[in-house]
């Protein structure tokens, strides 16, 4: 195999590594000096944090199935079950689901 190469070919020497570290430290120091959070940032006060904005007219995704290890109530017959499926917008048990 003629494509084998030594890892030494990819390594940088200590001088290059030190220069890179100094440059990175200088950039961090410049960014930290006098920087304060932007008060106009919409996500700062948002309870959703960094959630992307939705386009107008687009409904959010809904799960088709839910599993609750301690059980949850079926929206149709009110039985307590571990597994429920979405049917007409409600989470229902397998017996109440219109397959």
PDB file of N, CA and C in Angstrom:
ATOM      1  N   UNK A   1       0.829  -1.173   0.000  1.00  0.00           N
ATOM      2  CA  UNK A   1       0.000   0.000   0.000  1.00  0.00           C
ATOM      3  C   UNK A   1       0.877   1.242   0.000  1.00  0.00           C
ATOM      4  N   UNK A   2       0.798   2.024  -0.997  1.00  0.00           N
ATOM      5  CA  UNK A   2       1.608   3.216  -1.120  1.00  0.00           C
ATOM      6  C   UNK A   2       1.017   4.412  -0.393  1.00  0.00           C
ATOM      7  N   UNK A   3      -0.217   4.320   0.168  1.00  0.00           N
ATOM      8  CA  UNK A   3      -0.880   5.464   0.773  1.00  0.00           C
ATOM      9  C   UNK A   3      -0.625   5.620   2.253  1.00  0.00           C
ATOM     10  N   UNK A   4       0.187   4.742   2.865  1.00  0.00           N
ATOM     11  CA  UNK A   4       0.463   4.868   4.290  1.00  0.00           C
ATOM     12  C   UNK A   4       1.331   6.088   4.547  1.00  0.00           C
ATOM     13  N   UNK A   5       0.922   6.872   5.546  1.00  0.00           N
ATOM     14  CA  UNK A   5       1.684   8.069   5.894  1.00  0.00           C
ATOM     15  C   UNK A   5       1.902   8.090   7.393  1.00  0.00           C
ATOM     16  N   UNK A   6       2.935   8.687   7.827  1.00  0.00           N
ATOM     17  CA  UNK A   6       3.265   8.795   9.234  1.00  0.00           C
ATOM     18  C   UNK A   6       2.416   9.890   9.877  1.00  0.00           C
ATOM     19  N   UNK A   7       2.050   9.709  11.128  1.00  0.00           N
ATOM     20  CA  UNK A   7       1.313  10.745  11.838  1.00  0.00           C
ATOM     21  C   UNK A   7       2.156  11.992  12.034  1.00  0.00           C
ATOM     22  N   UNK A   8       3.476  11.821  11.995  1.00  0.00           N
ATOM     23  CA  UNK A   8       4.374  12.964  12.142  1.00  0.00           C
ATOM     24  C   UNK A   8       4.149  14.000  11.041  1.00  0.00           C
ATOM     25  N   UNK A   9       3.668  13.567   9.889  1.00  0.00           N
ATOM     26  CA  UNK A   9       3.416  14.489   8.792  1.00  0.00           C
ATOM     27  C   UNK A   9       2.289  15.469   9.121  1.00  0.00           C
ATOM     28  N   UNK A  10       1.421  15.080  10.045  1.00  0.00           N
ATOM     29  CA  UNK A  10       0.260  15.899  10.384  1.00  0.00           C
ATOM     30  C   UNK A  10       0.451  16.708  11.658  1.00  0.00           C
ATOM     31  N   UNK A  11       1.475  16.385  12.431  1.00  0.00           N
ATOM     32  CA  UNK A  11       1.721  17.055  13.706  1.00  0.00           C
ATOM     33  C   UNK A  11       2.325  18.430  13.481  1.00  0.00           C
ATOM     34  N   UNK A  12       2.023  19.349  14.394  1.00  0.00           N
ATOM     35  CA  UNK A  12       2.637  20.671  14.353  1.00  0.00           C
ATOM     36  C   UNK A  12       3.735  20.718  15.399  1.00  0.00           C
ATOM     37  N   UNK A  13       4.725  21.569  15.194  1.00  0.00           N
ATOM     38  CA  UNK A  13       5.780  21.664  16.199  1.00  0.00           C
ATOM     39  C   UNK A  13       5.328  22.577  17.328  1.00  0.00           C
ATOM     40  N   UNK A  14       6.106  22.603  18.419  1.00  0.00           N
ATOM     41  CA  UNK A  14       5.743  23.372  19.606  1.00  0.00           C
ATOM     42  C   UNK A  14       5.640  24.868  19.320  1.00  0.00           C
ATOM     43  N   UNK A  15       6.440  25.399  18.430  1.00  0.00           N
ATOM     44  CA  UNK A  15       6.406  26.823  18.097  1.00  0.00           C
ATOM     45  C   UNK A  15       5.077  27.187  17.454  1.00  0.00           C
ATOM     46  N   UNK A  16       4.628  26.378  16.505  1.00  0.00           N
ATOM     47  CA  UNK A  16       3.342  26.638  15.852  1.00  0.00           C
ATOM     48  C   UNK A  16       2.204  26.526  16.845  1.00  0.00           C
ATOM     49  N   UNK A  17       2.244  25.528  17.715  1.00  0.00           N
ATOM     50  CA  UNK A  17       1.199  25.313  18.708  1.00  0.00           C
ATOM     51  C   UNK A  17       1.128  26.491  19.674  1.00  0.00           C
ATOM     52  N   UNK A  18       2.279  27.019  20.148  1.00  0.00           N
ATOM     53  CA  UNK A  18       2.311  28.145  21.072  1.00  0.00           C
ATOM     54  C   UNK A  18       1.757  29.396  20.413  1.00  0.00           C
ATOM     55  N   UNK A  19       2.116  29.652  19.156  1.00  0.00           N
ATOM     56  CA  UNK A  19       1.620  30.826  18.440  1.00  0.00           C
ATOM     57  C   UNK A  19       0.115  30.748  18.262  1.00  0.00           C
ATOM     58  N   UNK A  20      -0.366  29.570  17.975  1.00  0.00           N
ATOM     59  CA  UNK A  20      -1.798  29.378  17.812  1.00  0.00           C
ATOM     60  C   UNK A  20      -2.535  29.625  19.122  1.00  0.00           C
ATOM     61  N   UNK A  21      -1.975  29.156  20.237  1.00  0.00           N
ATOM     62  CA  UNK A  21      -2.601  29.339  21.549  1.00  0.00           C
ATOM     63  C   UNK A  21      -2.645  30.816  21.919  1.00  0.00           C
ATOM     64  N   UNK A  22      -1.562  31.577  21.628  1.00  0.00           N
ATOM     65  CA  UNK A  22      -1.540  33.005  21.927  1.00  0.00           C
ATOM     66  C   UNK A  22      -2.578  33.744  21.099  1.00  0.00           C
ATOM     67  N   UNK A  23      -2.721  33.392  19.846  1.00  0.00           N
ATOM     68  CA  UNK A  23      -3.701  34.026  18.976  1.00  0.00           C
ATOM     69  C   UNK A  23      -5.108  33.751  19.481  1.00  0.00           C
ATOM     70  N   UNK A  24      -5.378  32.495  19.845  1.00  0.00           N
ATOM     71  CA  UNK A  24      -6.696  32.144  20.360  1.00  0.00           C
ATOM     72  C   UNK A  24      -6.995  32.879  21.648  1.00  0.00           C
ATOM     73  N   UNK A  25      -5.997  33.011  22.552  1.00  0.00           N
ATOM     74  CA  UNK A  25      -6.194  33.712  23.822  1.00  0.00           C
ATOM     75  C   UNK A  25      -6.484  35.181  23.572  1.00  0.00           C
ATOM     76  N   UNK A  26      -5.805  35.797  22.609  1.00  0.00           N
ATOM     77  CA  UNK A  26      -6.036  37.199  22.289  1.00  0.00           C
ATOM     78  C   UNK A  26      -7.430  37.443  21.764  1.00  0.00           C
ATOM     79  N   UNK A  27      -7.917  36.540  20.959  1.00  0.00           N
ATOM     80  CA  UNK A  27      -9.277  36.663  20.435  1.00  0.00           C
ATOM     81  C   UNK A  27     -10.282  36.548  21.562  1.00  0.00           C
ATOM     82  N   UNK A  28     -10.096  35.590  22.481  1.00  0.00           N
ATOM     83  CA  UNK A  28     -11.009  35.431  23.611  1.00  0.00           C
ATOM     84  C   UNK A  28     -10.997  36.666  24.490  1.00  0.00           C
ATOM     85  N   UNK A  29      -9.811  37.247  24.741  1.00  0.00           N
ATOM     86  CA  UNK A  29      -9.715  38.429  25.590  1.00  0.00           C
ATOM     87  C   UNK A  29     -10.434  39.601  24.948  1.00  0.00           C
ATOM     88  N   UNK A  30     -10.299  39.767  23.637  1.00  0.00           N
ATOM     89  CA  UNK A  30     -10.977  40.854  22.947  1.00  0.00           C
ATOM     90  C   UNK A  30     -12.480  40.707  23.037  1.00  0.00           C
ATOM     91  N   UNK A  31     -12.980  39.511  22.957  1.00  0.00           N
ATOM     92  CA  UNK A  31     -14.416  39.273  23.002  1.00  0.00           C
ATOM     93  C   UNK A  31     -14.967  39.487  24.399  1.00  0.00           C
ATOM     94  N   UNK A  32     -14.165  39.187  25.436  1.00  0.00           N
ATOM     95  CA  UNK A  32     -14.640  39.295  26.806  1.00  0.00           C
ATOM     96  C   UNK A  32     -14.618  40.726  27.320  1.00  0.00           C
ATOM     97  N   UNK A  33     -13.733  41.578  26.785  1.00  0.00           N
ATOM     98  CA  UNK A  33     -13.601  42.937  27.276  1.00  0.00           C
ATOM     99  C   UNK A  33     -14.849  43.742  26.968  1.00  0.00           C
ATOM    100  N   UNK A  34     -15.511  44.202  28.026  1.00  0.00           N
ATOM    101  CA  UNK A  34     -16.644  45.094  27.861  1.00  0.00           C
ATOM    102  C   UNK A  34     -17.832  44.481  27.170  1.00  0.00           C
ATOM    103  N   UNK A  35     -17.854  43.199  27.025  1.00  0.00           N
ATOM    104  CA  UNK A  35     -19.006  42.606  26.348  1.00  0.00           C
ATOM    105  C   UNK A  35     -20.115  42.342  27.347  1.00  0.00           C
ATOM    106  N   UNK A  36     -21.288  42.761  26.984  1.00  0.00           N
ATOM    107  CA  UNK A  36     -22.467  42.520  27.804  1.00  0.00           C
ATOM    108  C   UNK A  36     -23.518  41.883  26.921  1.00  0.00           C
ATOM    109  N   UNK A  37     -24.445  41.141  27.532  1.00  0.00           N
ATOM    110  CA  UNK A  37     -25.495  40.515  26.720  1.00  0.00           C
ATOM    111  C   UNK A  37     -26.300  41.567  25.980  1.00  0.00           C
ATOM    112  N   UNK A  38     -26.674  41.257  24.776  1.00  0.00           N
ATOM    113  CA  UNK A  38     -27.486  42.149  23.963  1.00  0.00           C
ATOM    114  C   UNK A  38     -28.901  42.153  24.507  1.00  0.00           C
ATOM    115  N   UNK A  39     -29.368  43.317  24.941  1.00  0.00           N
ATOM    116  CA  UNK A  39     -30.701  43.386  25.536  1.00  0.00           C
ATOM    117  C   UNK A  39     -31.802  43.204  24.504  1.00  0.00           C
ATOM    118  N   UNK A  40     -31.457  43.287  23.224  1.00  0.00           N
ATOM    119  CA  UNK A  40     -32.466  43.102  22.186  1.00  0.00           C
ATOM    120  C   UNK A  40     -32.577  41.650  21.752  1.00  0.00           C
ATOM    121  N   UNK A  41     -31.798  40.762  22.364  1.00  0.00           N
ATOM    122  CA  UNK A  41     -31.812  39.345  22.000  1.00  0.00           C
ATOM    123  C   UNK A  41     -33.160  38.746  22.373  1.00  0.00           C
ATOM    124  N   UNK A  42     -33.896  38.261  21.401  1.00  0.00           N
ATOM    125  CA  UNK A  42     -35.242  37.736  21.629  1.00  0.00           C
ATOM    126  C   UNK A  42     -35.231  36.460  22.447  1.00  0.00           C
ATOM    127  N   UNK A  43     -34.157  35.690  22.392  1.00  0.00           N
ATOM    128  CA  UNK A  43     -34.134  34.420  23.109  1.00  0.00           C
ATOM    129  C   UNK A  43     -33.760  34.579  24.569  1.00  0.00           C
ATOM    130  N   UNK A  44     -33.229  35.738  24.986  1.00  0.00           N
ATOM    131  CA  UNK A  44     -32.796  35.920  26.366  1.00  0.00           C
ATOM    132  C   UNK A  44     -33.968  35.849  27.334  1.00  0.00           C
ATOM    133  N   UNK A  45     -35.090  36.444  26.988  1.00  0.00           N
ATOM    134  CA  UNK A  45     -36.245  36.451  27.874  1.00  0.00           C
ATOM    135  C   UNK A  45     -37.270  35.386  27.524  1.00  0.00           C
ATOM    136  N   UNK A  46     -37.019  34.634  26.482  1.00  0.00           N
ATOM    137  CA  UNK A  46     -37.959  33.636  26.005  1.00  0.00           C
ATOM    138  C   UNK A  46     -37.870  32.365  26.844  1.00  0.00           C
ATOM    139  N   UNK A  47     -38.996  31.829  27.309  1.00  0.00           N
ATOM    140  CA  UNK A  47     -38.953  30.577  28.055  1.00  0.00           C
ATOM    141  C   UNK A  47     -38.539  29.399  27.183  1.00  0.00           C
ATOM    142  N   UNK A  48     -38.617  29.554  25.877  1.00  0.00           N
ATOM    143  CA  UNK A  48     -38.259  28.473  24.965  1.00  0.00           C
ATOM    144  C   UNK A  48     -36.768  28.464  24.652  1.00  0.00           C
ATOM    145  N   UNK A  49     -36.027  29.461  25.112  1.00  0.00           N
ATOM    146  CA  UNK A  49     -34.586  29.501  24.887  1.00  0.00           C
ATOM    147  C   UNK A  49     -34.253  29.706  23.431  1.00  0.00           C
ATOM    148  N   UNK A  50     -33.507  28.794  22.857  1.00  0.00           N
ATOM    149  CA  UNK A  50     -33.040  28.931  21.482  1.00  0.00           C
ATOM    150  C   UNK A  50     -33.951  28.232  20.482  1.00  0.00           C
ATOM    151  N   UNK A  51     -35.224  28.118  20.783  1.00  0.00           N
ATOM    152  CA  UNK A  51     -36.149  27.444  19.884  1.00  0.00           C
ATOM    153  C   UNK A  51     -36.265  28.233  18.585  1.00  0.00           C
ATOM    154  N   UNK A  52     -36.242  27.547  17.463  1.00  0.00           N
ATOM    155  CA  UNK A  52     -36.356  28.252  16.186  1.00  0.00           C
ATOM    156  C   UNK A  52     -37.754  28.831  16.014  1.00  0.00           C
ATOM    157  N   UNK A  53     -37.824  29.927  15.268  1.00  0.00           N
ATOM    158  CA  UNK A  53     -39.126  30.526  15.003  1.00  0.00           C
ATOM    159  C   UNK A  53     -39.883  29.673  13.995  1.00  0.00           C
ATOM    160  N   UNK A  54     -41.201  29.566  14.194  1.00  0.00           N
ATOM    161  CA  UNK A  54     -42.022  28.801  13.257  1.00  0.00           C
ATOM    162  C   UNK A  54     -42.511  29.705  12.152  1.00  0.00           C
ATOM    163  N   UNK A  55     -42.645  29.134  10.989  1.00  0.00           N
ATOM    164  CA  UNK A  55     -43.211  29.882   9.872  1.00  0.00           C
ATOM    165  C   UNK A  55     -44.713  29.999  10.078  1.00  0.00           C
ATOM    166  N   UNK A  56     -45.292  31.069   9.601  1.00  0.00           N
ATOM    167  CA  UNK A  56     -46.727  31.280   9.713  1.00  0.00           C
ATOM    168  C   UNK A  56     -47.471  30.177   8.977  1.00  0.00           C
ATOM    169  N   UNK A  57     -48.480  29.648   9.585  1.00  0.00           N
ATOM    170  CA  UNK A  57     -49.299  28.625   8.952  1.00  0.00           C
ATOM    171  C   UNK A  57     -48.758  27.209   9.085  1.00  0.00           C
ATOM    172  N   UNK A  58     -47.649  27.013   9.795  1.00  0.00           N
ATOM    173  CA  UNK A  58     -47.075  25.680   9.959  1.00  0.00           C
ATOM    174  C   UNK A  58     -47.371  25.193  11.375  1.00  0.00           C
ATOM    175  N   UNK A  59     -48.065  24.075  11.485  1.00  0.00           N
ATOM    176  CA  UNK A  59     -48.385  23.512  12.790  1.00  0.00           C
ATOM    177  C   UNK A  59     -47.191  22.747  13.337  1.00  0.00           C
ATOM    178  N   UNK A  60     -46.973  22.798  14.653  1.00  0.00           N
ATOM    179  CA  UNK A  60     -45.861  22.041  15.227  1.00  0.00           C
ATOM    180  C   UNK A  60     -46.143  20.545  15.136  1.00  0.00           C
ATOM    181  N   UNK A  61     -45.090  19.762  15.124  1.00  0.00           N
ATOM    182  CA  UNK A  61     -45.229  18.308  15.038  1.00  0.00           C
ATOM    183  C   UNK A  61     -45.842  17.761  16.322  1.00  0.00           C
ATOM    184  N   UNK A  62     -46.610  16.697  16.197  1.00  0.00           N
ATOM    185  CA  UNK A  62     -47.208  16.020  17.351  1.00  0.00           C
ATOM    186  C   UNK A  62     -46.776  14.567  17.336  1.00  0.00           C
ATOM    187  N   UNK A  63     -46.651  14.007  18.510  1.00  0.00           N
ATOM    188  CA  UNK A  63     -46.304  12.596  18.597  1.00  0.00           C
ATOM    189  C   UNK A  63     -47.494  11.766  18.142  1.00  0.00           C
ATOM    190  N   UNK A  64     -47.219  10.555  17.692  1.00  0.00           N
ATOM    191  CA  UNK A  64     -48.297   9.644  17.310  1.00  0.00           C
ATOM    192  C   UNK A  64     -48.508   8.577  18.370  1.00  0.00           C
ATOM    193  N   UNK A  65     -47.585   8.519  19.345  1.00  0.00           N
ATOM    194  CA  UNK A  65     -47.590   7.456  20.336  1.00  0.00           C
ATOM    195  C   UNK A  65     -46.995   7.996  21.623  1.00  0.00           C
ATOM    196  N   UNK A  66     -47.499   7.535  22.756  1.00  0.00           N
ATOM    197  CA  UNK A  66     -46.936   7.920  24.046  1.00  0.00           C
ATOM    198  C   UNK A  66     -46.858   6.690  24.939  1.00  0.00           C
ATOM    199  N   UNK A  67     -45.761   6.602  25.689  1.00  0.00           N
ATOM    200  CA  UNK A  67     -45.579   5.499  26.626  1.00  0.00           C
ATOM    201  C   UNK A  67     -45.328   6.089  27.998  1.00  0.00           C
ATOM    202  N   UNK A  68     -46.091   5.642  28.983  1.00  0.00           N
ATOM    203  CA  UNK A  68     -45.949   6.106  30.362  1.00  0.00           C
ATOM    204  C   UNK A  68     -45.755   4.882  31.246  1.00  0.00           C
ATOM    205  N   UNK A  69     -44.554   4.662  31.792  1.00  0.00           N
ATOM    206  CA  UNK A  69     -44.283   3.452  32.570  1.00  0.00           C
ATOM    207  C   UNK A  69     -45.201   3.289  33.776  1.00  0.00           C
ATOM    208  N   UNK A  70     -45.645   4.392  34.372  1.00  0.00           N
ATOM    209  CA  UNK A  70     -46.546   4.290  35.525  1.00  0.00           C
ATOM    210  C   UNK A  70     -48.011   4.348  35.113  1.00  0.00           C
ATOM    211  N   UNK A  71     -48.272   4.475  33.830  1.00  0.00           N
ATOM    212  CA  UNK A  71     -49.633   4.508  33.307  1.00  0.00           C
ATOM    213  C   UNK A  71     -50.156   5.925  33.174  1.00  0.00           C
ATOM    214  N   UNK A  72     -51.059   6.102  32.226  1.00  0.00           N
ATOM    215  CA  UNK A  72     -51.717   7.386  31.998  1.00  0.00           C
ATOM    216  C   UNK A  72     -53.145   7.109  31.548  1.00  0.00           C
ATOM    217  N   UNK A  73     -53.977   8.106  31.646  1.00  0.00           N
ATOM    218  CA  UNK A  73     -55.400   7.934  31.367  1.00  0.00           C
ATOM    219  C   UNK A  73     -55.708   8.057  29.886  1.00  0.00           C
ATOM    220  N   UNK A  74     -56.489   7.108  29.387  1.00  0.00           N
ATOM    221  CA  UNK A  74     -56.984   7.158  28.017  1.00  0.00           C
ATOM    222  C   UNK A  74     -57.996   8.298  27.934  1.00  0.00           C
ATOM    223  N   UNK A  75     -57.882   9.137  26.923  1.00  0.00           N
ATOM    224  CA  UNK A  75     -58.783  10.281  26.768  1.00  0.00           C
ATOM    225  C   UNK A  75     -60.204   9.860  26.423  1.00  0.00           C
ATOM    226  N   UNK A  76     -60.394   8.632  25.961  1.00  0.00           N
ATOM    227  CA  UNK A  76     -61.718   8.185  25.557  1.00  0.00           C
ATOM    228  C   UNK A  76     -62.436   7.393  26.655  1.00  0.00           C
ATOM    229  N   UNK A  77     -61.828   6.299  27.125  1.00  0.00           N
ATOM    230  CA  UNK A  77     -62.500   5.442  28.107  1.00  0.00           C
ATOM    231  C   UNK A  77     -62.002   5.654  29.532  1.00  0.00           C
ATOM    232  N   UNK A  78     -60.999   6.504  29.718  1.00  0.00           N
ATOM    233  CA  UNK A  78     -60.418   6.854  31.010  1.00  0.00           C
ATOM    234  C   UNK A  78     -59.734   5.693  31.732  1.00  0.00           C
ATOM    235  N   UNK A  79     -59.407   4.615  30.994  1.00  0.00           N
ATOM    236  CA  UNK A  79     -58.649   3.512  31.572  1.00  0.00           C
ATOM    237  C   UNK A  79     -57.193   3.949  31.731  1.00  0.00           C
ATOM    238  N   UNK A  80     -56.509   3.416  32.731  1.00  0.00           N
ATOM    239  CA  UNK A  80     -55.096   3.706  32.927  1.00  0.00           C
ATOM    240  C   UNK A  80     -54.288   2.673  32.160  1.00  0.00           C
ATOM    241  N   UNK A  81     -53.502   3.139  31.198  1.00  0.00           N
ATOM    242  CA  UNK A  81     -52.710   2.262  30.331  1.00  0.00           C
ATOM    243  C   UNK A  81     -51.301   2.828  30.181  1.00  0.00           C
ATOM    244  N   UNK A  82     -50.351   1.965  29.829  1.00  0.00           N
ATOM    245  CA  UNK A  82     -48.979   2.415  29.592  1.00  0.00           C
ATOM    246  C   UNK A  82     -48.809   2.987  28.192  1.00  0.00           C
ATOM    247  N   UNK A  83     -49.496   2.407  27.199  1.00  0.00           N
ATOM    248  CA  UNK A  83     -49.330   2.809  25.794  1.00  0.00           C
ATOM    249  C   UNK A  83     -50.601   3.478  25.277  1.00  0.00           C
ATOM    250  N   UNK A  84     -50.394   4.666  24.649  1.00  0.00           N
ATOM    251  CA  UNK A  84     -51.525   5.390  24.062  1.00  0.00           C
ATOM    252  C   UNK A  84     -51.121   5.910  22.691  1.00  0.00           C
ATOM    253  N   UNK A  85     -52.080   5.948  21.779  1.00  0.00           N
ATOM    254  CA  UNK A  85     -51.861   6.426  20.416  1.00  0.00           C
ATOM    255  C   UNK A  85     -52.730   7.648  20.166  1.00  0.00           C
ATOM    256  N   UNK A  86     -52.268   8.517  19.274  1.00  0.00           N
ATOM    257  CA  UNK A  86     -53.030   9.718  18.958  1.00  0.00           C
ATOM    258  C   UNK A  86     -54.175   9.349  18.021  1.00  0.00           C
ATOM    259  N   UNK A  87     -55.369   9.807  18.378  1.00  0.00           N
ATOM    260  CA  UNK A  87     -56.570   9.574  17.572  1.00  0.00           C
ATOM    261  C   UNK A  87     -57.439  10.817  17.680  1.00  0.00           C
ATOM    262  N   UNK A  88     -57.645  11.506  16.553  1.00  0.00           N
ATOM    263  CA  UNK A  88     -58.444  12.732  16.536  1.00  0.00           C
ATOM    264  C   UNK A  88     -57.879  13.776  17.506  1.00  0.00           C
ATOM    265  N   UNK A  89     -56.565  13.809  17.692  1.00  0.00           N
ATOM    266  CA  UNK A  89     -55.931  14.803  18.547  1.00  0.00           C
ATOM    267  C   UNK A  89     -55.770  14.389  19.999  1.00  0.00           C
ATOM    268  N   UNK A  90     -56.399  13.287  20.412  1.00  0.00           N
ATOM    269  CA  UNK A  90     -56.298  12.820  21.793  1.00  0.00           C
ATOM    270  C   UNK A  90     -55.434  11.566  21.862  1.00  0.00           C
ATOM    271  N   UNK A  91     -54.855  11.297  23.026  1.00  0.00           N
ATOM    272  CA  UNK A  91     -54.104  10.061  23.244  1.00  0.00           C
ATOM    273  C   UNK A  91     -55.047   9.031  23.858  1.00  0.00           C
ATOM    274  N   UNK A  92     -55.226   7.927  23.122  1.00  0.00           N
ATOM    275  CA  UNK A  92     -56.185   6.899  23.543  1.00  0.00           C
ATOM    276  C   UNK A  92     -55.507   5.536  23.593  1.00  0.00           C
ATOM    277  N   UNK A  93     -56.141   4.600  24.303  1.00  0.00           N
ATOM    278  CA  UNK A  93     -55.606   3.241  24.412  1.00  0.00           C
ATOM    279  C   UNK A  93     -55.832   2.482  23.093  1.00  0.00           C
ATOM    280  N   UNK A  94     -55.236   1.317  22.989  1.00  0.00           N
ATOM    281  CA  UNK A  94     -55.343   0.512  21.755  1.00  0.00           C
ATOM    282  C   UNK A  94     -56.795   0.115  21.462  1.00  0.00           C
ATOM    283  N   UNK A  95     -57.579  -0.104  22.509  1.00  0.00           N
ATOM    284  CA  UNK A  95     -58.984  -0.502  22.300  1.00  0.00           C
ATOM    285  C   UNK A  95     -59.821   0.650  21.742  1.00  0.00           C
ATOM    286  N   UNK A  96     -59.474   1.877  22.101  1.00  0.00           N
ATOM    287  CA  UNK A  96     -60.252   3.025  21.654  1.00  0.00           C
ATOM    288  C   UNK A  96     -59.743   3.625  20.343  1.00  0.00           C
ATOM    289  N   UNK A  97     -58.556   3.250  19.931  1.00  0.00           N
ATOM    290  CA  UNK A  97     -57.960   3.772  18.695  1.00  0.00           C
ATOM    291  C   UNK A  97     -58.698   3.235  17.478  1.00  0.00           C
ATOM    292  N   UNK A  98     -59.072   4.132  16.558  1.00  0.00           N
ATOM    293  CA  UNK A  98     -59.702   3.676  15.309  1.00  0.00           C
ATOM    294  C   UNK A  98     -58.590   3.399  14.321  1.00  0.00           C
ATOM    295  N   UNK A  99     -58.256   2.139  14.161  1.00  0.00           N
ATOM    296  CA  UNK A  99     -57.149   1.729  13.304  1.00  0.00           C
ATOM    297  C   UNK A  99     -57.612   1.771  11.888  1.00  0.00           C
TER     298      UNK A  99
END
